[in-house]
Protein backbone atom coordinates (compact mmCIF):
# COMPACT_ATOMS: atom_id res chain seq x y z
CA UNK A 1 -17.66 33.60 3.96
CA UNK A 2 -19.08 32.97 0.80
CA UNK A 3 -18.73 33.38 -3.35
CA UNK A 4 -21.95 33.78 -4.72
CA UNK A 5 -23.43 34.62 -7.93
CA UNK A 6 -26.68 34.42 -9.60
CA UNK A 7 -26.93 31.37 -9.67
CA UNK A 8 -24.33 29.83 -7.34
CA UNK A 9 -23.12 30.23 -3.85
CA UNK A 10 -20.17 28.36 -2.08
CA UNK A 11 -19.79 28.39 1.24
CA UNK A 12 -16.90 28.39 3.56
CA UNK A 13 -18.13 25.96 6.13
CA UNK A 14 -15.91 26.98 8.88
CA UNK A 15 -18.35 29.89 9.03
CA UNK A 16 -20.77 27.24 10.47
CA UNK A 17 -18.73 24.71 12.86
CA UNK A 18 -19.28 25.50 16.50
CA UNK A 19 -16.92 27.95 18.70
CA UNK A 20 -14.07 26.10 19.46
CA UNK A 21 -14.44 22.83 17.25
CA UNK A 22 -12.39 22.31 14.53
CA UNK A 23 -12.43 21.30 10.57
CA UNK A 24 -10.68 18.54 11.28
CA UNK A 25 -12.58 17.01 13.75
CA UNK A 26 -16.21 17.33 11.47
CA UNK A 27 -14.90 15.49 9.06
CA UNK A 28 -13.69 12.61 11.08
CA UNK A 29 -16.84 12.98 12.59
CA UNK A 30 -18.24 12.36 9.13
CA UNK A 31 -15.97 10.45 8.38
CA UNK A 32 -14.96 11.97 5.00
CA UNK A 33 -11.57 11.79 3.32
CA UNK A 34 -9.56 15.14 3.71
CA UNK A 35 -7.83 16.01 0.47
CA UNK A 36 -7.23 18.63 -1.97
CA UNK A 37 -9.15 18.65 -4.96
CA UNK A 38 -7.93 19.35 -8.46
CA UNK A 39 -10.84 21.52 -10.14
CA UNK A 40 -10.63 21.23 -13.92
CA UNK A 41 -10.02 25.42 -14.01
CA UNK A 42 -8.95 26.67 -17.06
CA UNK A 43 -11.87 24.27 -18.97
CA UNK A 44 -14.54 25.77 -16.68
CA UNK A 45 -15.39 28.87 -18.60
CA UNK A 46 -19.37 28.51 -18.14
CA UNK A 47 -21.79 27.32 -16.23
CA UNK A 48 -23.48 25.17 -18.48
CA UNK A 49 -20.07 22.66 -18.12
CA UNK A 50 -22.03 21.77 -14.61
CA UNK A 51 -24.45 19.67 -16.30
CA UNK A 52 -21.93 17.66 -18.53
CA UNK A 53 -22.75 13.90 -17.50
CA UNK A 54 -19.36 12.40 -18.24
CA UNK A 55 -15.65 12.92 -16.74
CA UNK A 56 -13.83 15.50 -18.26
CA UNK A 57 -10.60 14.40 -20.11
CA UNK A 58 -6.94 14.36 -18.34
CA UNK A 59 -6.34 17.12 -20.68
CA UNK A 60 -8.61 19.37 -19.05
CA UNK A 61 -6.44 20.08 -16.04
CA UNK A 62 -3.99 21.28 -17.53
CA UNK A 63 -3.39 24.89 -15.88
CA UNK A 64 -1.95 27.61 -17.60
CA UNK A 65 -0.67 30.01 -14.94
CA UNK A 66 1.40 26.70 -13.23
CA UNK A 67 2.24 25.72 -17.22
CA UNK A 68 1.54 21.58 -15.93
CA UNK A 69 -1.41 18.87 -15.78
CA UNK A 70 -1.96 16.95 -12.63
CA UNK A 71 -0.65 13.45 -12.37
CA UNK A 72 -2.23 10.38 -12.38
CA UNK A 73 -2.10 10.22 -8.72
CA UNK A 74 -3.97 13.42 -8.59
CA UNK A 75 -6.34 12.46 -10.97
CA UNK A 76 -7.82 8.94 -9.45
CA UNK A 77 -7.98 11.48 -6.73
CA UNK A 78 -10.40 13.52 -9.04
CA UNK A 79 -11.61 10.22 -10.86
CA UNK A 80 -12.57 8.07 -7.46
CA UNK A 81 -15.58 10.27 -5.98
CA UNK A 82 -17.09 10.68 -9.36
CA UNK A 83 -16.91 6.94 -9.96
CA UNK A 84 -17.27 5.88 -6.67
CA UNK A 85 -20.71 8.45 -5.87
CA UNK A 86 -22.30 7.30 -9.08
CA UNK A 87 -22.07 11.38 -9.79
CA UNK A 88 -24.26 12.88 -12.76
CA UNK A 89 -23.00 15.66 -13.42
CA UNK A 90 -20.44 17.88 -11.88
């Protein structure tokens, strides 16, 4: 399963796991954290934003559908990988 456009493809990792191999086991084997992300869906309206070199302001995480912004804990979950992995673009 995947979502694909002319410029981008999101793959569902579960489609590539061996039969009867759990996603949790895969995550643990590679020592990743299993955390939900909080993408700035409403702010991300152009592929050009994938080239941004600075982290989005907290206000960009406002969700019109839920009529609220993410909290401090959720914001830290988003910021930590950006800072700890030395990310340069989205």
